[in-house]
N, C-alpha and C. Protein backbone atom coordinates (compact mmCIF):
# COMPACT_ATOMS: atom_id res chain seq x y z
N LEU A 1 83.88 106.56 124.84
CA LEU A 1 83.37 107.96 124.95
C LEU A 1 84.46 108.88 124.42
N GLN A 2 83.97 109.74 123.29
CA GLN A 2 84.87 110.51 122.84
C GLN A 2 84.41 112.16 123.09
N VAL A 3 85.55 112.83 123.35
CA VAL A 3 85.25 114.21 123.80
C VAL A 3 85.79 115.12 122.67
N ASP A 4 85.32 115.89 122.15
CA ASP A 4 85.83 116.90 121.26
C ASP A 4 86.43 118.06 121.96
N MET A 5 87.73 118.20 121.73
CA MET A 5 88.61 119.09 122.57
C MET A 5 89.31 120.04 121.67
N ASP A 6 88.61 120.44 120.56
CA ASP A 6 89.15 121.37 119.58
C ASP A 6 89.13 122.73 120.19
N ILE A 7 90.18 123.50 120.37
CA ILE A 7 90.38 124.78 120.96
C ILE A 7 90.54 125.66 119.70
N THR A 8 89.32 126.51 119.56
CA THR A 8 89.32 127.37 118.37
C THR A 8 89.63 128.76 118.94
N PRO A 9 90.07 129.79 117.87
CA PRO A 9 90.23 131.10 118.29
C PRO A 9 88.67 131.63 118.85
N GLN A 10 87.55 131.22 118.30
CA GLN A 10 86.41 131.79 119.02
C GLN A 10 86.05 131.19 120.54
N SER A 11 86.42 129.98 120.65
CA SER A 11 86.35 129.50 122.14
C SER A 11 87.29 130.31 123.09
N CYS A 12 88.47 130.59 122.69
CA CYS A 12 89.58 131.23 123.39
C CYS A 12 88.98 132.60 123.64
N ALA A 13 88.43 133.23 122.65
CA ALA A 13 87.80 134.74 122.88
C ALA A 13 86.74 134.69 123.75
N VAL A 14 86.02 133.84 123.85
CA VAL A 14 84.63 133.64 124.74
C VAL A 14 85.44 133.57 126.10
N PHE A 15 86.34 132.50 126.17
CA PHE A 15 86.89 132.35 127.60
C PHE A 15 87.46 133.63 128.10
N TYR A 16 88.16 134.21 127.28
CA TYR A 16 88.84 135.44 128.07
C TYR A 16 87.91 136.49 128.28
N GLY A 17 86.77 136.62 127.49
CA GLY A 17 85.68 137.63 127.64
C GLY A 17 84.95 137.40 128.98
N VAL A 18 84.66 136.17 129.14
CA VAL A 18 83.99 135.67 130.32
C VAL A 18 84.80 135.79 131.60
N ALA A 19 86.25 135.48 131.31
CA ALA A 19 87.13 135.62 132.43
C ALA A 19 87.29 137.00 132.97
N GLY A 20 87.20 138.12 131.96
CA GLY A 20 87.17 139.26 132.19
C GLY A 20 86.05 139.90 132.98
N ALA A 21 84.82 139.22 132.65
CA ALA A 21 83.67 139.51 133.30
C ALA A 21 83.66 139.10 134.81
N ALA A 22 84.00 137.75 134.96
CA ALA A 22 84.15 137.27 136.11
C ALA A 22 85.23 137.91 136.92
N SER A 23 86.25 138.34 136.58
CA SER A 23 87.40 139.06 137.55
C SER A 23 86.82 140.36 137.69
N ALA A 24 86.14 141.05 136.97
CA ALA A 24 85.48 142.44 137.22
C ALA A 24 84.64 142.19 138.52
N LEU A 25 83.88 141.34 138.50
CA LEU A 25 82.70 141.06 139.45
C LEU A 25 83.42 140.52 140.81
N VAL A 26 84.30 139.58 140.67
CA VAL A 26 84.90 139.02 141.97
C VAL A 26 85.63 140.10 142.57
N PHE A 27 86.64 140.67 141.96
CA PHE A 27 87.45 141.68 142.66
C PHE A 27 86.76 142.86 143.17
N SER A 28 85.76 143.34 142.28
CA SER A 28 84.90 144.46 142.74
C SER A 28 84.13 144.12 144.03
N CYS A 29 83.66 143.05 144.18
CA CYS A 29 82.77 142.69 145.25
C CYS A 29 83.79 142.32 146.46
N ALA A 30 84.96 141.94 146.32
CA ALA A 30 86.02 141.77 147.38
C ALA A 30 86.28 143.08 147.80
N GLY A 31 86.57 144.08 147.02
CA GLY A 31 86.85 145.48 147.27
C GLY A 31 85.85 146.12 148.26
N ALA A 32 84.49 145.86 147.81
CA ALA A 32 83.38 146.29 148.50
C ALA A 32 83.31 145.63 149.82
N ALA A 33 83.50 144.32 149.88
CA ALA A 33 83.27 143.74 151.13
C ALA A 33 84.51 144.13 152.13
N VAL A 34 85.66 144.28 151.57
CA VAL A 34 86.75 144.83 152.63
C VAL A 34 86.52 146.10 152.99
N GLY A 35 85.86 147.10 152.11
CA GLY A 35 85.63 148.50 152.58
C GLY A 35 84.27 148.48 153.45
N THR A 36 83.40 147.65 153.44
CA THR A 36 82.32 147.68 154.39
C THR A 36 82.87 147.01 155.76
N TYR A 37 83.61 146.05 155.57
CA TYR A 37 84.10 145.42 156.82
C TYR A 37 84.90 146.51 157.68
N ARG A 38 85.85 147.18 156.90
CA ARG A 38 86.73 148.05 157.80
C ARG A 38 85.83 149.33 158.33
N SER A 39 84.82 149.65 157.37
CA SER A 39 83.98 150.83 157.89
C SER A 39 83.17 150.31 159.03
N ALA A 40 82.74 149.33 158.99
CA ALA A 40 81.71 148.72 160.16
C ALA A 40 82.52 148.57 161.37
N SER A 41 83.79 148.09 161.15
CA SER A 41 84.54 148.04 162.33
C SER A 41 84.84 149.47 162.94
N GLY A 42 85.01 150.43 162.02
CA GLY A 42 85.12 151.98 162.67
C GLY A 42 83.86 152.18 163.35
N MET A 43 82.55 151.86 162.82
CA MET A 43 81.28 152.14 163.64
C MET A 43 81.34 151.49 164.89
N GLY A 44 81.79 150.33 164.99
CA GLY A 44 81.71 149.50 166.37
C GLY A 44 82.81 150.04 167.45
N LYS A 45 83.96 150.43 166.70
CA LYS A 45 84.95 151.29 167.66
C LYS A 45 84.31 152.64 168.20
N ALA A 46 83.72 153.34 167.16
CA ALA A 46 83.01 154.64 167.74
C ALA A 46 81.90 154.47 168.58
N SER A 47 81.25 153.39 168.58
CA SER A 47 80.06 153.40 169.35
C SER A 47 80.45 152.66 170.85
N SER A 48 81.51 152.04 170.72
CA SER A 48 82.08 151.53 172.08
C SER A 48 82.79 152.63 172.93
N SER A 49 83.19 153.74 172.00
CA SER A 49 83.94 154.77 172.86
C SER A 49 83.05 155.69 173.91
N PRO A 50 83.52 156.21 174.82
CA PRO A 50 82.75 156.93 175.86
C PRO A 50 81.89 158.09 175.09
N LYS A 51 80.66 158.19 175.46
CA LYS A 51 79.61 158.93 174.72
C LYS A 51 79.72 160.40 175.37
N ASP A 52 79.38 161.18 174.71
CA ASP A 52 79.08 162.69 175.15
C ASP A 52 77.52 162.77 175.58
N GLU A 53 77.23 162.82 176.77
CA GLU A 53 76.02 162.90 177.39
C GLU A 53 75.28 164.19 176.92
N SER A 54 75.99 165.19 176.57
CA SER A 54 75.27 166.47 176.32
C SER A 54 74.50 166.55 174.93
N CYS A 55 74.70 165.58 174.06
CA CYS A 55 74.06 165.48 172.85
C CYS A 55 72.58 164.82 173.27
N SER A 56 71.65 165.38 172.36
CA SER A 56 70.24 164.81 172.29
C SER A 56 70.15 163.37 171.66
N LYS A 57 69.18 162.68 171.89
CA LYS A 57 69.16 161.29 170.96
C LYS A 57 69.10 161.58 169.51
N GLY A 58 68.31 162.72 169.09
CA GLY A 58 68.22 163.12 167.72
C GLY A 58 69.49 163.29 167.05
N GLU A 59 70.42 164.14 167.83
CA GLU A 59 71.74 164.54 167.21
C GLU A 59 72.63 163.22 167.18
N LYS A 60 72.53 162.21 168.18
CA LYS A 60 73.20 160.92 167.92
C LYS A 60 72.84 160.25 166.80
N MET A 61 71.38 160.04 166.53
CA MET A 61 70.90 159.30 165.32
C MET A 61 71.33 160.21 163.87
N LYS A 62 71.52 161.46 164.10
CA LYS A 62 72.10 161.99 162.78
C LYS A 62 73.47 161.73 162.68
N GLN A 63 74.24 161.67 163.65
CA GLN A 63 75.75 161.34 163.54
C GLN A 63 75.86 159.98 163.14
N THR A 64 75.04 159.14 163.53
CA THR A 64 75.04 157.74 163.20
C THR A 64 74.89 157.59 161.78
N GLY A 65 73.83 158.19 161.33
CA GLY A 65 73.46 158.09 159.90
C GLY A 65 74.75 158.51 158.92
N LYS A 66 75.39 159.52 159.55
CA LYS A 66 76.55 159.86 158.57
C LYS A 66 77.74 158.83 158.45
N TYR A 67 77.74 157.83 159.33
CA TYR A 67 78.80 156.82 159.55
C TYR A 67 78.51 155.80 158.30
N PHE A 68 77.40 155.82 157.69
CA PHE A 68 77.12 154.79 156.54
C PHE A 68 77.59 155.31 155.31
N ILE A 69 78.16 156.41 154.97
CA ILE A 69 78.52 156.95 153.84
C ILE A 69 79.76 155.99 153.25
N PRO A 70 80.66 155.45 154.12
CA PRO A 70 81.81 154.59 153.61
C PRO A 70 81.27 153.29 153.05
N VAL A 71 80.02 152.88 153.76
CA VAL A 71 79.51 151.61 153.23
C VAL A 71 78.76 151.90 152.05
N ILE A 72 78.29 152.97 151.82
CA ILE A 72 77.48 153.05 150.40
C ILE A 72 78.56 153.33 149.30
N ASN A 73 79.61 154.01 149.63
CA ASN A 73 80.71 153.94 148.72
C ASN A 73 81.23 152.67 148.34
N SER A 74 81.36 151.70 149.35
CA SER A 74 81.67 150.38 149.07
C SER A 74 80.84 149.74 148.10
N ALA A 75 79.61 149.92 148.51
CA ALA A 75 78.69 149.15 147.50
C ALA A 75 78.67 149.71 146.11
N ILE A 76 78.95 150.91 145.94
CA ILE A 76 78.97 151.44 144.52
C ILE A 76 80.03 150.57 143.90
N LEU A 77 81.11 150.26 144.47
CA LEU A 77 82.00 149.37 143.65
C LEU A 77 81.71 148.07 143.21
N ALA A 78 80.87 147.49 143.93
CA ALA A 78 80.32 146.19 143.51
C ALA A 78 79.43 146.49 142.58
N ILE A 79 78.65 147.66 142.32
CA ILE A 79 77.87 147.95 141.16
C ILE A 79 78.59 148.08 140.02
N TYR A 80 79.78 148.71 140.12
CA TYR A 80 80.58 148.96 138.95
C TYR A 80 80.93 147.59 138.43
N GLY A 81 81.35 146.59 139.14
CA GLY A 81 81.73 145.37 138.65
C GLY A 81 80.64 144.62 138.09
N LEU A 82 79.46 144.72 138.64
CA LEU A 82 78.17 144.13 138.18
C LEU A 82 77.72 144.71 136.68
N ILE A 83 77.81 145.98 136.71
CA ILE A 83 77.52 146.57 135.35
C ILE A 83 78.52 146.08 134.20
N TYR A 84 79.78 146.11 134.60
CA TYR A 84 80.87 145.73 133.64
C TYR A 84 80.61 144.20 133.25
N ALA A 85 80.28 143.38 134.12
CA ALA A 85 80.16 142.02 134.00
C ALA A 85 78.86 141.61 133.08
N ILE A 86 77.81 142.46 133.43
CA ILE A 86 76.75 142.25 132.45
C ILE A 86 77.01 142.53 131.09
N MET A 87 77.61 143.80 131.03
CA MET A 87 77.86 144.29 129.57
C MET A 87 79.00 143.41 128.91
N SER A 88 80.00 142.93 129.46
CA SER A 88 80.88 141.99 128.92
C SER A 88 80.30 140.66 128.56
N SER A 89 79.45 140.12 129.31
CA SER A 89 78.92 138.75 129.05
C SER A 89 77.98 138.96 127.93
N HIS A 90 77.27 140.23 127.86
CA HIS A 90 76.55 140.28 126.74
C HIS A 90 77.28 140.42 125.45
N ALA A 91 78.58 140.91 125.47
CA ALA A 91 79.32 141.17 124.39
C ALA A 91 79.79 139.95 123.87
N VAL A 92 80.00 138.86 124.59
CA VAL A 92 80.59 137.54 124.30
C VAL A 92 79.60 136.87 123.48
N THR A 93 78.35 137.18 123.39
CA THR A 93 77.38 136.45 122.60
C THR A 93 77.03 137.02 121.41
N VAL A 94 77.71 138.34 121.11
CA VAL A 94 77.46 138.76 119.77
C VAL A 94 78.20 137.82 118.62
N ALA A 95 77.77 137.89 117.51
CA ALA A 95 78.29 137.05 116.36
C ALA A 95 79.54 137.95 115.92
N GLY A 96 80.68 137.20 115.63
CA GLY A 96 81.83 137.80 115.11
C GLY A 96 82.71 138.32 116.50
N TYR A 97 82.57 137.83 117.34
CA TYR A 97 83.37 138.23 118.60
C TYR A 97 84.67 137.59 118.34
N SER A 98 85.71 138.59 118.31
CA SER A 98 87.21 138.14 118.10
C SER A 98 87.92 137.77 119.06
N ALA A 99 89.23 137.18 118.94
CA ALA A 99 90.01 137.05 120.11
C ALA A 99 90.48 138.23 120.74
N SER A 100 90.75 139.23 119.80
CA SER A 100 91.30 140.53 120.23
C SER A 100 90.32 141.20 121.21
N GLN A 101 88.92 141.13 120.86
CA GLN A 101 88.01 141.62 121.75
C GLN A 101 87.93 140.87 123.23
N GLY A 102 88.08 139.58 122.97
CA GLY A 102 88.16 138.85 124.29
C GLY A 102 89.30 139.19 125.18
N TYR A 103 90.43 139.34 124.52
CA TYR A 103 91.79 139.99 125.21
C TYR A 103 91.39 141.38 125.95
N ALA A 104 90.95 142.05 125.05
CA ALA A 104 90.54 143.48 125.44
C ALA A 104 89.40 143.48 126.77
N ASN A 105 88.49 142.63 126.50
CA ASN A 105 87.47 142.50 127.61
C ASN A 105 88.29 141.77 128.88
N PHE A 106 89.10 140.96 128.61
CA PHE A 106 89.89 140.31 129.98
C PHE A 106 90.71 141.54 130.65
N ALA A 107 91.41 142.35 129.64
CA ALA A 107 92.18 143.41 130.33
C ALA A 107 91.30 144.66 130.95
N GLY A 108 90.30 144.69 130.44
CA GLY A 108 89.33 145.72 131.00
C GLY A 108 88.75 145.17 132.40
N GLY A 109 88.33 143.88 132.42
CA GLY A 109 87.73 143.35 133.61
C GLY A 109 88.74 143.35 134.65
N MET A 110 90.04 142.84 134.29
CA MET A 110 91.05 142.73 135.34
C MET A 110 91.32 144.19 136.03
N ALA A 111 91.61 145.09 135.06
CA ALA A 111 91.64 146.49 135.46
C ALA A 111 90.66 147.13 136.18
N LEU A 112 89.52 146.90 135.83
CA LEU A 112 88.23 147.41 136.63
C LEU A 112 88.27 146.52 137.90
N GLY A 113 88.45 145.39 138.05
CA GLY A 113 88.21 144.57 139.26
C GLY A 113 89.45 145.01 140.25
N LEU A 114 90.71 145.05 139.87
CA LEU A 114 91.74 145.54 140.79
C LEU A 114 91.70 146.92 141.19
N CYS A 115 91.33 147.80 140.25
CA CYS A 115 91.13 149.24 140.64
C CYS A 115 90.02 149.25 141.78
N ASN A 116 89.04 148.45 141.95
CA ASN A 116 87.91 148.45 142.78
C ASN A 116 88.50 147.82 144.07
N LEU A 117 89.29 146.72 143.99
CA LEU A 117 89.87 146.30 145.05
C LEU A 117 90.48 147.20 145.94
N VAL A 118 91.49 147.86 145.18
CA VAL A 118 92.30 148.88 145.81
C VAL A 118 91.50 149.88 146.45
N SER A 119 90.55 150.39 145.72
CA SER A 119 89.54 151.42 146.02
C SER A 119 88.73 151.08 147.32
N GLY A 120 88.39 149.70 147.34
CA GLY A 120 87.72 149.21 148.62
C GLY A 120 88.57 149.13 149.78
N VAL A 121 89.63 148.90 149.50
CA VAL A 121 90.68 148.75 150.72
C VAL A 121 90.85 150.35 151.35
N ALA A 122 91.03 151.20 150.20
CA ALA A 122 91.26 152.65 150.53
C ALA A 122 90.11 153.09 151.37
N ILE A 123 88.96 152.78 150.70
CA ILE A 123 87.62 153.24 151.43
C ILE A 123 87.46 152.76 152.86
N GLY A 124 87.93 151.47 152.97
CA GLY A 124 87.76 151.03 154.52
C GLY A 124 88.82 151.50 155.31
N ILE A 125 89.93 151.85 155.01
CA ILE A 125 90.88 152.52 155.93
C ILE A 125 90.49 153.75 156.16
N ILE A 126 89.97 154.67 155.07
CA ILE A 126 89.64 156.01 155.44
C ILE A 126 88.34 155.94 156.02
N GLY A 127 87.33 155.22 155.88
CA GLY A 127 86.15 155.01 156.67
C GLY A 127 86.29 154.60 158.04
N GLU A 128 87.22 153.67 158.27
CA GLU A 128 87.39 153.20 159.76
C GLU A 128 87.90 154.45 160.58
N GLY A 129 89.03 154.95 160.02
CA GLY A 129 89.59 156.18 160.86
C GLY A 129 88.94 157.54 160.93
N GLY A 130 88.08 157.62 159.83
CA GLY A 130 87.26 158.86 159.70
C GLY A 130 86.06 158.72 160.54
N ILE A 131 85.48 157.56 160.78
CA ILE A 131 84.28 157.38 161.64
C ILE A 131 84.68 157.62 162.99
N ILE A 132 85.87 157.04 163.54
CA ILE A 132 86.22 157.10 164.76
C ILE A 132 86.67 158.80 165.14
N ALA A 133 87.20 159.25 164.00
CA ALA A 133 87.71 160.71 164.22
C ALA A 133 86.50 161.78 164.33
N THR A 134 85.49 161.23 163.35
CA THR A 134 84.23 162.20 163.44
C THR A 134 83.38 161.89 164.83
N SER A 135 83.54 160.58 165.41
CA SER A 135 82.92 160.45 166.66
C SER A 135 83.37 161.39 167.74
N LYS A 136 84.68 161.79 167.57
CA LYS A 136 85.35 162.60 168.52
C LYS A 136 85.43 164.14 168.12
N ASN A 137 85.53 164.28 166.92
CA ASN A 137 85.40 165.72 166.55
C ASN A 137 84.55 165.82 165.33
N PRO A 138 83.43 166.33 165.28
CA PRO A 138 82.58 166.44 164.09
C PRO A 138 83.06 167.10 162.94
N ASN A 139 84.10 168.15 163.09
CA ASN A 139 84.62 168.73 162.19
C ASN A 139 85.47 167.84 161.22
N ALA A 140 85.79 166.67 161.49
CA ALA A 140 86.65 165.68 160.83
C ALA A 140 85.79 165.14 159.54
N PHE A 141 84.44 165.19 159.89
CA PHE A 141 83.55 164.43 158.77
C PHE A 141 83.80 165.03 157.42
N THR A 142 83.83 166.33 157.08
CA THR A 142 84.17 166.87 155.81
C THR A 142 85.50 166.45 155.31
N ILE A 143 86.47 166.31 155.91
CA ILE A 143 87.80 165.71 155.53
C ILE A 143 87.71 164.29 155.21
N MET A 144 86.91 163.45 155.99
CA MET A 144 86.58 162.12 155.74
C MET A 144 85.84 161.99 154.34
N VAL A 145 84.83 162.77 154.06
CA VAL A 145 84.04 162.68 152.84
C VAL A 145 84.89 163.00 151.69
N LEU A 146 85.88 164.03 151.88
CA LEU A 146 86.73 164.42 150.68
C LEU A 146 87.76 163.28 150.32
N ASN A 147 88.19 162.69 151.30
CA ASN A 147 89.17 161.53 151.21
C ASN A 147 88.35 160.30 150.48
N LEU A 148 87.07 159.96 150.98
CA LEU A 148 86.36 158.90 150.34
C LEU A 148 86.09 159.13 148.91
N ILE A 149 85.69 160.59 148.57
CA ILE A 149 85.57 160.88 147.12
C ILE A 149 86.86 160.39 146.29
N CYS A 150 88.00 160.79 146.90
CA CYS A 150 89.31 160.65 146.20
C CYS A 150 89.46 159.20 146.11
N ALA A 151 89.17 158.22 146.98
CA ALA A 151 89.19 156.89 146.92
C ALA A 151 88.38 156.15 146.09
N GLU A 152 87.07 156.77 146.06
CA GLU A 152 86.18 156.14 145.06
C GLU A 152 86.41 156.49 143.59
N PHE A 153 87.22 157.58 143.36
CA PHE A 153 87.68 157.93 142.10
C PHE A 153 88.46 156.78 141.51
N LEU A 154 89.30 156.12 142.34
CA LEU A 154 90.17 154.95 141.83
C LEU A 154 89.40 153.98 141.24
N GLY A 155 88.17 153.59 141.91
CA GLY A 155 87.24 152.48 141.09
C GLY A 155 86.57 153.06 139.89
N LEU A 156 86.13 154.38 139.97
CA LEU A 156 85.55 155.02 138.81
C LEU A 156 86.53 155.02 137.78
N TYR A 157 87.82 155.38 137.89
CA TYR A 157 88.89 155.30 136.82
C TYR A 157 88.69 153.95 136.20
N GLY A 158 88.97 153.03 136.93
CA GLY A 158 88.91 151.50 136.48
C GLY A 158 87.53 151.21 135.82
N PHE A 159 86.44 151.73 136.20
CA PHE A 159 85.18 151.53 135.37
C PHE A 159 85.08 152.26 134.03
N VAL A 160 85.73 153.30 134.00
CA VAL A 160 85.81 154.05 132.64
C VAL A 160 86.81 153.40 131.76
N PHE A 161 87.91 152.95 132.35
CA PHE A 161 88.84 152.13 131.45
C PHE A 161 88.30 150.83 130.96
N GLY A 162 87.57 150.27 132.07
CA GLY A 162 86.95 148.80 131.48
C GLY A 162 85.90 149.05 130.28
N LEU A 163 84.97 150.24 130.51
CA LEU A 163 84.13 150.39 129.29
C LEU A 163 84.77 150.91 128.10
N ILE A 164 85.95 151.54 128.14
CA ILE A 164 86.67 151.81 126.83
C ILE A 164 87.21 150.56 126.32
N MET A 165 87.79 149.89 126.98
CA MET A 165 88.19 148.39 126.70
C MET A 165 87.08 147.57 125.94
N LEU A 166 85.95 147.67 126.53
CA LEU A 166 84.80 146.93 126.20
C LEU A 166 84.33 147.64 124.87
N SER A 167 84.57 148.78 124.75
CA SER A 167 83.99 149.38 123.30
C SER A 167 84.72 149.17 122.18
N LEU A 168 86.00 148.56 122.43
CA LEU A 168 86.76 148.42 121.14
C LEU A 168 86.43 147.67 120.17
N GLN A 169 86.57 147.80 119.00
CA GLN A 169 86.12 146.84 117.77
C GLN A 169 87.30 146.65 117.06
N PHE A 170 87.72 145.52 117.05
CA PHE A 170 88.70 145.08 116.09
C PHE A 170 88.30 144.34 114.78
């Protein structure tokens, strides 16, 4: 049995491009999972706290709907990683894909994935504390949303950087 183990620059380029796509997807989904877990933990803590009986059932449902904003923000992080992974894996199949493009796609995927991981952790922490605070004081909702937007920008900046790295032509 003879196996051809020739490592060419083209095979290295494809490896790094696919590794960038995979790291973007894995780290982005990990960030989304952490953000969702922490936010859902906050929902559980807020629902187990003593309720205000002066609220009607409709008002309680409105408040509960607001608690899903951190979960939606976390899901957007996974979508960033998915979009980059699809675009990066498509770029690998183009003829003339160079090693430099593979390295750039790897760097872009790692940057995107790690930015989304950190953003997911931040969204989870903000979401958990914000949901608990909002359940006690409805005025805290605005502050929570502004903090969530700032945390989401971390992931968006990584996504933009990844797209810039993906579009480089060497």
